[in-house]
Amino acid sequence: MKISMLNKILIDKYSEFLESIDVEINGNRPWDLTVHNPDVF
């Protein structure tokens, strides 16, 4: 799968926001988000 530059920027911004509330994308803790469909971004 190819991630466009815009998608990369959005993923980075979402990750930055989520880090501020102690949540990770595809992290291993129960409260972390798991993304099954990268088209979400």
N, C-alpha and C. Protein backbone atom coordinates (compact mmCIF):
# COMPACT_ATOMS: atom_id res chain seq x y z
N MET A 1 0.83 -1.17 0.00
CA MET A 1 0.00 0.00 0.00
C MET A 1 0.88 1.25 0.00
N LYS A 2 0.46 2.24 -0.76
CA LYS A 2 1.21 3.48 -0.86
C LYS A 2 0.53 4.56 -0.01
N ILE A 3 1.31 5.20 0.83
CA ILE A 3 0.78 6.28 1.66
C ILE A 3 1.19 7.60 1.02
N SER A 4 0.21 8.42 0.69
CA SER A 4 0.51 9.71 0.07
C SER A 4 1.10 10.66 1.10
N MET A 5 1.68 11.73 0.61
CA MET A 5 2.28 12.73 1.49
C MET A 5 1.21 13.35 2.40
N LEU A 6 0.03 13.61 1.85
CA LEU A 6 -1.06 14.17 2.67
C LEU A 6 -1.46 13.19 3.77
N ASN A 7 -1.57 11.91 3.44
CA ASN A 7 -1.91 10.91 4.46
C ASN A 7 -0.85 10.86 5.54
N LYS A 8 0.41 10.94 5.15
CA LYS A 8 1.52 10.94 6.12
C LYS A 8 1.39 12.13 7.07
N ILE A 9 1.07 13.30 6.53
CA ILE A 9 0.91 14.50 7.36
C ILE A 9 -0.25 14.31 8.32
N LEU A 10 -1.37 13.78 7.83
CA LEU A 10 -2.54 13.57 8.69
C LEU A 10 -2.25 12.56 9.79
N ILE A 11 -1.59 11.48 9.44
CA ILE A 11 -1.23 10.47 10.44
C ILE A 11 -0.35 11.10 11.51
N ASP A 12 0.62 11.91 11.10
CA ASP A 12 1.51 12.57 12.06
C ASP A 12 0.73 13.51 12.97
N LYS A 13 -0.22 14.27 12.42
CA LYS A 13 -1.02 15.21 13.23
C LYS A 13 -1.92 14.46 14.20
N TYR A 14 -2.59 13.40 13.72
CA TYR A 14 -3.42 12.59 14.61
C TYR A 14 -2.57 11.99 15.73
N SER A 15 -1.42 11.47 15.38
CA SER A 15 -0.54 10.86 16.37
C SER A 15 -0.10 11.88 17.41
N GLU A 16 0.24 13.07 16.95
CA GLU A 16 0.68 14.14 17.85
C GLU A 16 -0.43 14.48 18.84
N PHE A 17 -1.66 14.63 18.35
CA PHE A 17 -2.78 14.92 19.23
C PHE A 17 -3.01 13.78 20.22
N LEU A 18 -3.04 12.56 19.71
CA LEU A 18 -3.32 11.42 20.58
C LEU A 18 -2.25 11.22 21.64
N GLU A 19 -1.00 11.53 21.30
CA GLU A 19 0.07 11.43 22.30
C GLU A 19 -0.19 12.36 23.47
N SER A 20 -0.82 13.51 23.19
CA SER A 20 -1.09 14.48 24.26
C SER A 20 -2.12 13.94 25.26
N ILE A 21 -2.90 12.95 24.85
CA ILE A 21 -3.86 12.32 25.77
C ILE A 21 -3.50 10.87 26.06
N ASP A 22 -2.22 10.54 25.83
CA ASP A 22 -1.65 9.22 26.15
C ASP A 22 -2.34 8.07 25.42
N VAL A 23 -2.58 8.26 24.12
CA VAL A 23 -3.14 7.22 23.27
C VAL A 23 -2.24 7.08 22.06
N GLU A 24 -1.96 5.85 21.65
CA GLU A 24 -1.13 5.60 20.47
C GLU A 24 -1.94 4.91 19.38
N ILE A 25 -1.59 5.19 18.14
CA ILE A 25 -2.18 4.47 17.02
C ILE A 25 -1.43 3.15 16.89
N ASN A 26 -2.17 2.06 16.90
CA ASN A 26 -1.63 0.70 16.83
C ASN A 26 -0.69 0.38 17.99
N GLY A 27 -0.97 0.99 19.14
CA GLY A 27 -0.20 0.69 20.34
C GLY A 27 -0.64 -0.64 20.94
N ASN A 28 0.02 -1.06 22.00
CA ASN A 28 -0.29 -2.37 22.59
C ASN A 28 -1.04 -2.29 23.91
N ARG A 29 -1.45 -1.09 24.30
CA ARG A 29 -2.21 -0.95 25.54
C ARG A 29 -3.71 -1.03 25.24
N PRO A 30 -4.51 -1.42 26.23
CA PRO A 30 -5.94 -1.60 25.99
C PRO A 30 -6.65 -0.34 25.47
N TRP A 31 -6.18 0.84 25.84
CA TRP A 31 -6.85 2.08 25.43
C TRP A 31 -6.30 2.67 24.14
N ASP A 32 -5.30 2.04 23.55
CA ASP A 32 -4.74 2.52 22.29
C ASP A 32 -5.67 2.15 21.13
N LEU A 33 -5.59 2.93 20.07
CA LEU A 33 -6.41 2.69 18.88
C LEU A 33 -5.72 1.73 17.93
N THR A 34 -6.49 0.82 17.37
CA THR A 34 -5.98 -0.09 16.35
C THR A 34 -6.66 0.28 15.03
N VAL A 35 -5.86 0.62 14.04
CA VAL A 35 -6.40 0.98 12.73
C VAL A 35 -6.32 -0.24 11.83
N HIS A 36 -7.47 -0.74 11.44
CA HIS A 36 -7.54 -1.90 10.55
C HIS A 36 -7.60 -1.47 9.09
N ASN A 37 -8.07 -0.25 8.85
CA ASN A 37 -8.20 0.27 7.49
C ASN A 37 -7.48 1.61 7.40
N PRO A 38 -6.28 1.64 6.81
CA PRO A 38 -5.52 2.88 6.73
C PRO A 38 -6.20 3.96 5.88
N ASP A 39 -7.26 3.61 5.15
CA ASP A 39 -8.00 4.62 4.39
C ASP A 39 -8.72 5.59 5.31
N VAL A 40 -8.75 5.29 6.60
CA VAL A 40 -9.33 6.19 7.60
C VAL A 40 -8.69 7.57 7.49
N PHE A 41 -7.41 7.58 7.19
CA PHE A 41 -6.68 8.84 7.10
C PHE A 41 -6.85 9.44 5.74
